[in-house]
């Protein structure tokens, strides 16, 4: 595993899929540690992924709570449903790709270096329990391939719940 973290952009989505499956299948490793390892692998191997993290929903309070992540620390540890990109995904249950965060009205700025964002909901038994959130320091880097790959990641992660 350590070799995967040494250099940016060393694996493509197809190569990363079995790595994600292997992390999910690890025994005697906590769910949060598995999620952190997934964040590390994505951050280390996909050049335009500069912040990778999971948020989890509390449906009673209508808030998202920051889980494991890799990247710059964020003040946004609790996000109300509907607020920002993550909060909107908690309500819409749909992927949200933001090519340019400057052009987005309901964007919560985490860092001045962030130029774009993708958020993909995480479903368990048909319920949106959270999401994977990726920030990029590049304008408009996310493609449909990113969406399909992150949907795959979340399908694998859903097995942990």
C-alpha atoms as a PDB file:
ATOM      1  CA  UNK A   1       0.000   0.000   0.000  1.00  0.00           C
ATOM      2  CA  UNK A   2       2.729   2.476   0.867  1.00  0.00           C
ATOM      3  CA  UNK A   3       4.038   2.472  -2.713  1.00  0.00           C
ATOM      4  CA  UNK A   4       0.728   3.898  -3.920  1.00  0.00           C
ATOM      5  CA  UNK A   5       1.236   7.040  -1.891  1.00  0.00           C
ATOM      6  CA  UNK A   6       4.644   8.062  -3.162  1.00  0.00           C
ATOM      7  CA  UNK A   7       3.809   9.719  -6.450  1.00  0.00           C
ATOM      8  CA  UNK A   8       0.821  11.638  -7.826  1.00  0.00           C
ATOM      9  CA  UNK A   9      -1.055  10.312 -10.844  1.00  0.00           C
ATOM     10  CA  UNK A  10       0.392   6.823 -10.905  1.00  0.00           C
ATOM     11  CA  UNK A  11      -2.824   4.865 -11.530  1.00  0.00           C
ATOM     12  CA  UNK A  12      -5.915   5.325 -13.678  1.00  0.00           C
ATOM     13  CA  UNK A  13      -9.506   4.640 -12.598  1.00  0.00           C
ATOM     14  CA  UNK A  14      -9.496   1.044 -13.887  1.00  0.00           C
ATOM     15  CA  UNK A  15      -6.271   0.306 -12.022  1.00  0.00           C
ATOM     16  CA  UNK A  16      -7.647   1.889  -8.845  1.00  0.00           C
ATOM     17  CA  UNK A  17     -10.867  -0.154  -8.752  1.00  0.00           C
ATOM     18  CA  UNK A  18      -9.274  -3.359  -7.383  1.00  0.00           C
ATOM     19  CA  UNK A  19      -7.252  -1.272  -4.913  1.00  0.00           C
ATOM     20  CA  UNK A  20     -10.507   0.174  -3.529  1.00  0.00           C
ATOM     21  CA  UNK A  21     -12.052  -3.311  -3.376  1.00  0.00           C
ATOM     22  CA  UNK A  22      -9.019  -4.617  -1.500  1.00  0.00           C
ATOM     23  CA  UNK A  23      -9.212  -1.815   1.060  1.00  0.00           C
ATOM     24  CA  UNK A  24     -12.930  -2.470   1.655  1.00  0.00           C
ATOM     25  CA  UNK A  25     -12.199  -6.200   2.105  1.00  0.00           C
ATOM     26  CA  UNK A  26      -9.440  -5.691   4.688  1.00  0.00           C
ATOM     27  CA  UNK A  27     -10.009  -7.559   7.923  1.00  0.00           C
ATOM     28  CA  UNK A  28      -9.252  -6.232  11.405  1.00  0.00           C
ATOM     29  CA  UNK A  29      -9.246  -2.642  10.127  1.00  0.00           C
ATOM     30  CA  UNK A  30     -11.864  -0.141  11.324  1.00  0.00           C
ATOM     31  CA  UNK A  31     -14.332   1.436   8.913  1.00  0.00           C
ATOM     32  CA  UNK A  32     -12.813   4.894   9.491  1.00  0.00           C
ATOM     33  CA  UNK A  33      -9.313   3.572   8.772  1.00  0.00           C
ATOM     34  CA  UNK A  34     -10.563   1.995   5.539  1.00  0.00           C
ATOM     35  CA  UNK A  35     -12.213   5.277   4.541  1.00  0.00           C
ATOM     36  CA  UNK A  36      -9.015   7.166   5.331  1.00  0.00           C
ATOM     37  CA  UNK A  37      -6.987   4.720   3.241  1.00  0.00           C
ATOM     38  CA  UNK A  38      -9.397   5.228   0.329  1.00  0.00           C
ATOM     39  CA  UNK A  39      -8.985   9.012   0.672  1.00  0.00           C
ATOM     40  CA  UNK A  40      -5.206   8.632   0.702  1.00  0.00           C
ATOM     41  CA  UNK A  41      -5.156   6.399  -2.381  1.00  0.00           C
ATOM     42  CA  UNK A  42      -7.416   8.731  -4.374  1.00  0.00           C
ATOM     43  CA  UNK A  43      -5.504  11.834  -3.330  1.00  0.00           C
ATOM     44  CA  UNK A  44      -2.142  10.238  -4.108  1.00  0.00           C
ATOM     45  CA  UNK A  45      -3.039   8.730  -7.477  1.00  0.00           C
ATOM     46  CA  UNK A  46      -5.350  11.194  -9.204  1.00  0.00           C
ATOM     47  CA  UNK A  47      -3.544  14.407 -10.016  1.00  0.00           C
ATOM     48  CA  UNK A  48      -6.606  16.686  -9.936  1.00  0.00           C
ATOM     49  CA  UNK A  49      -7.867  15.382  -6.557  1.00  0.00           C
ATOM     50  CA  UNK A  50      -6.451  17.851  -4.021  1.00  0.00           C
ATOM     51  CA  UNK A  51      -8.851  17.262  -1.102  1.00  0.00           C
ATOM     52  CA  UNK A  52     -10.722  13.984  -0.647  1.00  0.00           C
ATOM     53  CA  UNK A  53     -13.169  13.326   2.155  1.00  0.00           C
ATOM     54  CA  UNK A  54     -16.382  11.776   3.325  1.00  0.00           C
ATOM     55  CA  UNK A  55     -19.320  13.515   4.970  1.00  0.00           C
ATOM     56  CA  UNK A  56     -22.033  11.555   6.761  1.00  0.00           C
ATOM     57  CA  UNK A  57     -25.656  12.559   7.243  1.00  0.00           C
ATOM     58  CA  UNK A  58     -27.493  12.956  10.498  1.00  0.00           C
ATOM     59  CA  UNK A  59     -31.082  12.918   9.256  1.00  0.00           C
ATOM     60  CA  UNK A  60     -32.481  13.907  12.661  1.00  0.00           C
ATOM     61  CA  UNK A  61     -30.560  17.209  12.721  1.00  0.00           C
ATOM     62  CA  UNK A  62     -30.464  17.612   8.906  1.00  0.00           C
ATOM     63  CA  UNK A  63     -26.700  18.050   9.003  1.00  0.00           C
ATOM     64  CA  UNK A  64     -23.630  16.488   7.420  1.00  0.00           C
ATOM     65  CA  UNK A  65     -20.629  15.627   9.581  1.00  0.00           C
ATOM     66  CA  UNK A  66     -17.063  15.395   8.334  1.00  0.00           C
ATOM     67  CA  UNK A  67     -15.584  11.919   8.403  1.00  0.00           C
ATOM     68  CA  UNK A  68     -12.159  10.750   7.301  1.00  0.00           C
ATOM     69  CA  UNK A  69     -10.422  13.024   4.792  1.00  0.00           C
ATOM     70  CA  UNK A  70      -7.047  13.877   3.273  1.00  0.00           C
ATOM     71  CA  UNK A  71      -6.032  17.428   2.453  1.00  0.00           C
ATOM     72  CA  UNK A  72      -5.918  20.830   4.061  1.00  0.00           C
ATOM     73  CA  UNK A  73      -7.822  21.081   7.347  1.00  0.00           C
ATOM     74  CA  UNK A  74     -11.322  22.504   6.992  1.00  0.00           C
ATOM     75  CA  UNK A  75     -13.547  24.491   9.331  1.00  0.00           C
ATOM     76  CA  UNK A  76     -16.564  22.884   7.635  1.00  0.00           C
ATOM     77  CA  UNK A  77     -16.986  19.906   9.941  1.00  0.00           C
ATOM     78  CA  UNK A  78     -20.776  20.279  10.142  1.00  0.00           C
ATOM     79  CA  UNK A  79     -22.799  21.401   7.108  1.00  0.00           C
ATOM     80  CA  UNK A  80     -26.576  21.962   7.179  1.00  0.00           C
ATOM     81  CA  UNK A  81     -28.588  20.146   4.495  1.00  0.00           C
ATOM     82  CA  UNK A  82     -29.070  22.519   1.553  1.00  0.00           C
ATOM     83  CA  UNK A  83     -25.994  24.654   2.288  1.00  0.00           C
ATOM     84  CA  UNK A  84     -23.028  24.508  -0.066  1.00  0.00           C
ATOM     85  CA  UNK A  85     -22.429  21.804  -2.640  1.00  0.00           C
ATOM     86  CA  UNK A  86     -22.377  19.002  -0.059  1.00  0.00           C
ATOM     87  CA  UNK A  87     -25.560  20.228   1.587  1.00  0.00           C
ATOM     88  CA  UNK A  88     -27.315  20.415  -1.773  1.00  0.00           C
ATOM     89  CA  UNK A  89     -26.347  16.805  -2.575  1.00  0.00           C
ATOM     90  CA  UNK A  90     -27.776  15.736   0.796  1.00  0.00           C
ATOM     91  CA  UNK A  91     -31.129  17.083  -0.431  1.00  0.00           C
ATOM     92  CA  UNK A  92     -31.006  16.277  -4.174  1.00  0.00           C
ATOM     93  CA  UNK A  93     -29.522  12.749  -3.880  1.00  0.00           C
ATOM     94  CA  UNK A  94     -27.705  13.453  -7.149  1.00  0.00           C
ATOM     95  CA  UNK A  95     -24.086  13.949  -8.186  1.00  0.00           C
ATOM     96  CA  UNK A  96     -23.019  17.580  -8.295  1.00  0.00           C
ATOM     97  CA  UNK A  97     -20.090  18.664 -10.457  1.00  0.00           C
ATOM     98  CA  UNK A  98     -18.944  22.268 -10.101  1.00  0.00           C
ATOM     99  CA  UNK A  99     -16.481  23.174 -12.885  1.00  0.00           C
ATOM    100  CA  UNK A 100     -15.791  26.619 -11.355  1.00  0.00           C
ATOM    101  CA  UNK A 101     -16.633  27.265  -7.700  1.00  0.00           C
ATOM    102  CA  UNK A 102     -16.419  31.047  -8.299  1.00  0.00           C
ATOM    103  CA  UNK A 103     -19.501  30.792 -10.513  1.00  0.00           C
ATOM    104  CA  UNK A 104     -21.534  28.880  -7.903  1.00  0.00           C
ATOM    105  CA  UNK A 105     -23.868  30.950  -5.702  1.00  0.00           C
ATOM    106  CA  UNK A 106     -24.330  28.435  -2.877  1.00  0.00           C
ATOM    107  CA  UNK A 107     -20.653  27.476  -2.513  1.00  0.00           C
ATOM    108  CA  UNK A 108     -18.911  27.314   0.869  1.00  0.00           C
ATOM    109  CA  UNK A 109     -15.300  28.363   0.332  1.00  0.00           C
ATOM    110  CA  UNK A 110     -12.847  26.027   2.037  1.00  0.00           C
ATOM    111  CA  UNK A 111      -9.629  27.353   0.561  1.00  0.00           C
ATOM    112  CA  UNK A 112      -8.713  30.038  -1.956  1.00  0.00           C
ATOM    113  CA  UNK A 113      -6.812  27.363  -3.932  1.00  0.00           C
ATOM    114  CA  UNK A 114      -9.970  25.321  -4.651  1.00  0.00           C
ATOM    115  CA  UNK A 115     -11.221  25.918  -8.193  1.00  0.00           C
ATOM    116  CA  UNK A 116     -13.707  23.058  -8.677  1.00  0.00           C
ATOM    117  CA  UNK A 117     -15.566  20.362  -6.759  1.00  0.00           C
ATOM    118  CA  UNK A 118     -17.393  17.079  -7.274  1.00  0.00           C
ATOM    119  CA  UNK A 119     -19.725  15.492  -4.734  1.00  0.00           C
ATOM    120  CA  UNK A 120     -21.247  12.040  -5.171  1.00  0.00           C
ATOM    121  CA  UNK A 121     -23.882  10.723  -2.746  1.00  0.00           C
ATOM    122  CA  UNK A 122     -23.361   7.502  -0.810  1.00  0.00           C
ATOM    123  CA  UNK A 123     -26.410   5.234  -0.612  1.00  0.00           C
ATOM    124  CA  UNK A 124     -27.005   2.332   1.750  1.00  0.00           C
ATOM    125  CA  UNK A 125     -30.256   0.420   1.196  1.00  0.00           C
ATOM    126  CA  UNK A 126     -31.542   3.303  -0.941  1.00  0.00           C
ATOM    127  CA  UNK A 127     -30.892   5.944   1.743  1.00  0.00           C
ATOM    128  CA  UNK A 128     -28.404   8.772   1.170  1.00  0.00           C
ATOM    129  CA  UNK A 129     -26.188   8.373   4.256  1.00  0.00           C
ATOM    130  CA  UNK A 130     -23.426  10.701   3.112  1.00  0.00           C
ATOM    131  CA  UNK A 131     -21.113  11.511   0.252  1.00  0.00           C
ATOM    132  CA  UNK A 132     -17.628  11.621  -1.079  1.00  0.00           C
ATOM    133  CA  UNK A 133     -16.399  15.167  -1.655  1.00  0.00           C
ATOM    134  CA  UNK A 134     -13.445  16.024  -3.897  1.00  0.00           C
ATOM    135  CA  UNK A 135     -11.930  19.485  -4.273  1.00  0.00           C
ATOM    136  CA  UNK A 136      -9.544  20.339  -7.078  1.00  0.00           C
ATOM    137  CA  UNK A 137      -7.127  23.213  -7.519  1.00  0.00           C
ATOM    138  CA  UNK A 138      -7.759  22.968 -11.282  1.00  0.00           C
ATOM    139  CA  UNK A 139     -10.653  24.552 -13.198  1.00  0.00           C
ATOM    140  CA  UNK A 140     -13.110  22.077 -14.755  1.00  0.00           C
ATOM    141  CA  UNK A 141     -11.076  18.847 -14.369  1.00  0.00           C
ATOM    142  CA  UNK A 142     -13.970  16.467 -13.606  1.00  0.00           C
ATOM    143  CA  UNK A 143     -15.406  14.290 -16.360  1.00  0.00           C
ATOM    144  CA  UNK A 144     -18.122  11.686 -16.579  1.00  0.00           C
ATOM    145  CA  UNK A 145     -15.347   9.150 -15.928  1.00  0.00           C
ATOM    146  CA  UNK A 146     -14.758  10.783 -12.523  1.00  0.00           C
ATOM    147  CA  UNK A 147     -18.465  10.502 -11.749  1.00  0.00           C
ATOM    148  CA  UNK A 148     -18.657   6.820 -12.725  1.00  0.00           C
ATOM    149  CA  UNK A 149     -15.478   6.023 -10.776  1.00  0.00           C
ATOM    150  CA  UNK A 150     -16.675   7.820  -7.634  1.00  0.00           C
ATOM    151  CA  UNK A 151     -20.031   6.044  -7.920  1.00  0.00           C
ATOM    152  CA  UNK A 152     -18.047   2.785  -7.979  1.00  0.00           C
ATOM    153  CA  UNK A 153     -16.062   3.902  -4.912  1.00  0.00           C
ATOM    154  CA  UNK A 154     -19.288   4.673  -3.051  1.00  0.00           C
ATOM    155  CA  UNK A 155     -20.839   1.322  -4.061  1.00  0.00           C
ATOM    156  CA  UNK A 156     -17.820  -0.368  -2.498  1.00  0.00           C
ATOM    157  CA  UNK A 157     -17.889   1.891   0.582  1.00  0.00           C
ATOM    158  CA  UNK A 158     -21.601   1.116   1.090  1.00  0.00           C
ATOM    159  CA  UNK A 159     -20.559  -2.478   1.899  1.00  0.00           C
ATOM    160  CA  UNK A 160     -18.963  -1.153   5.084  1.00  0.00           C
ATOM    161  CA  UNK A 161     -22.352  -0.124   6.531  1.00  0.00           C
END
